[in-house]
Amino acid sequence: MQLALFGGTFDPPHNGHLALCLYAREILDIEKLVVSVSNNPLKDAGSASDADRIAMARLLAGIVNLTGAVAEASDRELLQQGPSYTIDHVAYLEQRYGLGDMFLLIGEDNYRDFRLWKSWEELARKCTVVVFGRQGGSQGEEDGGEEPPEHGFRVIRFEFPHSSTEIRRRLLAGEDCRGLIPSSILDYIDHHGLYRS
C-alpha cells in the first residue's frame, strides 16, 4: 500500500494544507492519506482546542475525499499520554496497514527542525520524507533545482505563502480569510467563535 502521513497542529487547516493533500495524492499515487493532528513540542501552543482541531481536520479530509476517498483524520497522537512522536505513529501505521511504501509529508519549516525529531534517522529509513518547500524557501524545485539534501528525502516546490500563524492573526483582527481557508472550515470557525480572542 502507498500510504502517506501528514501531521501537524492544523490550527486551523487552510487551503495550503488542502492543496498539499491533493497534490501529494496525485504525484505520489497515494492510496491512503492519514491527516494526523498533533501537539508539536517544537512549536508554540495554538489557540483552538484539541476537539476543534480534530473536527476541522475531519472536514479537511472530507474535502479531499470529494475527489477520491483516500484521506482520514487521526486523533491518535492527541490521545497519547505524554508527548507523541512521529516515529511511534509510523510504527503503528506499519502494524495496522502492513509494510509498504510510506511517505512522510512535511513542510520546509519542519524539515529545518527534522534533526531535532525523536529517532529522525530511523524515520528517514522507514519513510520517504517528502519536503514541500514554501515560496521563497531554500529548497530547489523537483527535477531541476537543488538535489534532495540526503538519501530518503524528496523535495517538491510548493507555492503557498500563508501559514496557520498568519491566518490566526488575520482572524483575530477580523480580516476576511475567504480564499485562505476552505469554506466548510471557515463556517466551523465562525460558528464556534474560534480565533476571536
Protein backbone atom coordinates (compact mmCIF):
# COMPACT_ATOMS: atom_id res chain seq x y z
CA MET A 1 0.00 0.00 0.00
CA GLN A 2 1.15 3.52 -0.82
CA LEU A 3 0.46 5.36 2.43
CA ALA A 4 1.25 8.95 3.40
CA LEU A 5 1.30 10.53 6.84
CA PHE A 6 0.69 14.27 7.01
CA GLY A 7 0.98 15.50 10.57
CA GLY A 8 0.54 18.94 12.03
CA THR A 9 -1.28 21.09 14.52
CA PHE A 10 -3.88 22.12 11.90
CA ASP A 11 -4.65 25.27 13.87
CA PRO A 12 -6.53 25.90 11.60
CA PRO A 13 -6.35 23.74 8.45
CA HIS A 14 -6.14 26.04 5.43
CA ASN A 15 -6.07 25.95 1.65
CA GLY A 16 -2.34 25.26 1.67
CA HIS A 17 -2.97 22.04 3.60
CA LEU A 18 -5.76 21.13 1.20
CA ALA A 19 -3.65 21.81 -1.89
CA LEU A 20 -0.75 19.83 -0.45
CA CYS A 21 -3.01 16.83 0.22
CA LEU A 22 -4.45 16.87 -3.29
CA TYR A 23 -1.09 17.46 -4.95
CA ALA A 24 0.66 14.75 -2.94
CA ARG A 25 -2.11 12.25 -3.66
CA GLU A 26 -1.70 12.73 -7.39
CA ILE A 27 2.07 12.88 -7.76
CA LEU A 28 2.81 10.14 -5.22
CA ASP A 29 -0.09 7.86 -6.21
CA ILE A 30 -1.24 7.63 -2.59
CA GLU A 31 -3.83 5.00 -1.65
CA LYS A 32 -4.25 6.14 1.98
CA LEU A 33 -3.57 9.60 3.40
CA VAL A 34 -3.56 9.95 7.19
CA VAL A 35 -4.02 13.54 8.37
CA SER A 36 -2.71 13.35 11.93
CA VAL A 37 -3.48 16.15 14.38
CA SER A 38 -0.73 16.59 16.95
CA ASN A 39 0.69 18.91 19.55
CA ASN A 40 4.08 19.82 18.14
CA PRO A 41 6.56 20.18 21.05
CA LEU A 42 8.77 22.38 18.82
CA LYS A 43 6.02 24.98 18.22
CA ASP A 44 4.16 27.42 20.44
CA ALA A 45 0.76 26.32 21.66
CA GLY A 46 -2.11 27.17 19.35
CA SER A 47 -5.42 28.68 20.31
CA ALA A 48 -8.02 26.07 19.28
CA SER A 49 -8.86 23.08 21.46
CA ASP A 50 -7.87 19.53 20.53
CA ALA A 51 -11.54 18.74 19.85
CA ASP A 52 -11.87 21.69 17.49
CA ARG A 53 -8.66 20.88 15.65
CA ILE A 54 -9.61 17.25 15.03
CA ALA A 55 -13.10 18.36 13.93
CA MET A 56 -11.54 20.77 11.42
CA ALA A 57 -9.09 18.08 10.24
CA ARG A 58 -12.04 15.75 9.60
CA LEU A 59 -13.62 18.48 7.49
CA LEU A 60 -10.32 18.78 5.60
CA ALA A 61 -10.22 15.03 4.98
CA GLY A 62 -13.84 15.15 3.82
CA ILE A 63 -13.00 17.82 1.24
CA VAL A 64 -10.09 15.72 -0.06
CA ASN A 65 -12.41 12.73 -0.31
CA LEU A 66 -14.86 14.60 -2.53
CA THR A 67 -12.39 13.93 -5.35
CA GLY A 68 -11.41 10.40 -4.31
CA ALA A 69 -11.79 8.73 -0.92
CA VAL A 70 -8.25 8.26 0.37
CA ALA A 71 -8.00 10.58 3.40
CA GLU A 72 -8.77 10.05 7.05
CA ALA A 73 -8.17 12.31 10.04
CA SER A 74 -6.45 10.76 13.03
CA ASP A 75 -6.53 11.90 16.67
CA ARG A 76 -4.21 9.10 17.80
CA GLU A 77 -1.36 11.48 18.65
CA LEU A 78 -3.67 13.73 20.66
CA LEU A 79 -4.85 10.76 22.74
CA GLN A 80 -1.35 9.64 23.72
CA GLN A 81 -0.34 10.00 27.34
CA GLY A 82 2.63 12.37 27.38
CA PRO A 83 4.44 13.56 24.26
CA SER A 84 3.60 11.97 20.91
CA TYR A 85 6.29 11.23 18.36
CA THR A 86 6.04 10.68 14.63
CA ILE A 87 8.26 7.58 14.79
CA ASP A 88 5.71 5.91 17.10
CA HIS A 89 2.84 6.78 14.77
CA VAL A 90 4.75 5.36 11.80
CA ALA A 91 5.28 2.10 13.72
CA TYR A 92 1.54 1.99 14.50
CA LEU A 93 0.64 2.55 10.83
CA GLU A 94 3.04 -0.20 9.75
CA GLN A 95 1.33 -2.57 12.18
CA ARG A 96 -2.18 -1.53 11.12
CA TYR A 97 -1.72 -1.48 7.35
CA GLY A 98 1.27 -3.76 6.84
CA LEU A 99 4.59 -2.92 5.28
CA GLY A 100 4.55 -0.94 2.08
CA ASP A 101 5.74 2.35 0.70
CA MET A 102 5.26 5.07 3.29
CA PHE A 103 5.65 8.79 2.70
CA LEU A 104 6.03 11.38 5.43
CA LEU A 105 4.78 14.75 4.18
CA ILE A 106 6.37 17.78 5.84
CA GLY A 107 6.78 21.47 5.17
CA GLU A 108 10.10 23.19 4.76
CA ASP A 109 9.89 24.64 8.29
CA ASN A 110 9.60 21.12 9.73
CA TYR A 111 12.47 19.94 7.56
CA ARG A 112 14.75 22.57 9.08
CA ASP A 113 13.98 21.11 12.54
CA PHE A 114 13.98 17.49 11.38
CA ARG A 115 17.20 16.51 13.18
CA LEU A 116 15.55 17.51 16.45
CA TRP A 117 12.81 14.90 16.00
CA LYS A 118 12.93 11.73 18.03
CA SER A 119 14.71 8.91 16.09
CA TRP A 120 14.88 11.06 12.96
CA GLU A 121 17.41 8.78 11.26
CA GLU A 122 15.16 5.73 11.73
CA LEU A 123 12.23 7.79 10.49
CA ALA A 124 14.13 8.67 7.32
CA ARG A 125 14.91 4.97 6.80
CA LYS A 126 11.31 3.85 7.26
CA CYS A 127 9.73 6.58 5.12
CA THR A 128 10.42 8.67 2.09
CA VAL A 129 10.34 12.13 3.62
CA VAL A 130 8.67 14.46 1.13
CA VAL A 131 9.56 18.09 1.80
CA PHE A 132 7.20 20.72 0.39
CA GLY A 133 9.23 23.92 0.07
CA ARG A 134 7.44 27.21 0.55
CA GLN A 135 7.65 30.21 -1.76
CA GLY A 136 10.97 31.94 -1.32
CA GLY A 137 12.38 29.00 0.61
CA SER A 138 15.77 27.43 0.12
CA GLN A 139 14.60 24.11 -1.28
CA GLY A 140 15.03 23.56 -5.00
CA GLU A 141 12.39 22.50 -7.46
CA GLU A 142 11.81 18.82 -8.03
CA ASP A 143 13.59 17.55 -11.15
CA GLY A 144 15.56 20.69 -11.69
CA GLY A 145 16.70 22.53 -8.59
CA GLU A 146 18.96 21.57 -5.77
CA GLU A 147 19.36 17.86 -5.19
CA PRO A 148 17.41 16.45 -2.25
CA PRO A 149 19.51 17.01 0.88
CA GLU A 150 20.19 13.35 1.58
CA HIS A 151 19.05 9.85 0.75
CA GLY A 152 15.46 9.15 1.77
CA PHE A 153 14.29 12.72 1.15
CA ARG A 154 12.40 14.14 -1.80
CA VAL A 155 11.96 17.87 -2.33
CA ILE A 156 8.91 19.32 -4.08
CA ARG A 157 8.45 23.01 -4.79
CA PHE A 158 5.14 24.12 -3.33
CA GLU A 159 3.78 27.65 -3.54
CA PHE A 160 1.54 28.74 -0.66
CA PRO A 161 2.83 31.82 1.11
CA HIS A 162 0.39 31.81 4.05
CA SER A 163 0.78 29.97 7.36
CA SER A 164 -1.64 28.98 10.10
CA THR A 165 0.08 31.53 12.36
CA GLU A 166 -0.64 34.34 9.92
CA ILE A 167 -4.20 33.15 9.36
CA ARG A 168 -4.86 33.06 13.13
CA ARG A 169 -3.59 36.64 13.34
CA ARG A 170 -5.87 37.71 10.50
CA LEU A 171 -8.89 36.00 12.05
CA LEU A 172 -8.16 37.67 15.40
CA ALA A 173 -8.01 41.04 13.62
CA GLY A 174 -11.39 40.33 12.00
CA GLU A 175 -9.93 40.22 8.49
CA ASP A 176 -11.63 38.35 5.65
CA CYS A 177 -9.97 34.93 5.23
CA ARG A 178 -12.10 33.63 2.38
CA GLY A 179 -9.72 32.21 -0.19
CA LEU A 180 -7.31 31.10 2.54
CA ILE A 181 -9.48 28.55 4.37
CA PRO A 182 -11.94 26.02 2.87
CA SER A 183 -15.48 27.33 3.26
CA SER A 184 -16.70 24.45 5.46
CA ILE A 185 -13.79 25.01 7.87
CA LEU A 186 -14.32 28.77 7.87
CA ASP A 187 -18.01 28.15 8.65
CA TYR A 188 -16.93 25.92 11.57
CA ILE A 189 -14.57 28.63 12.85
CA ASP A 190 -17.30 31.27 12.64
CA HIS A 191 -19.94 29.02 14.23
CA HIS A 192 -17.70 28.15 17.18
CA GLY A 193 -16.18 31.61 17.56
CA LEU A 194 -12.59 30.38 17.20
CA TYR A 195 -9.56 32.67 16.99
CA ARG A 196 -11.51 35.71 18.11
CA SER A 197 -9.75 36.47 21.37
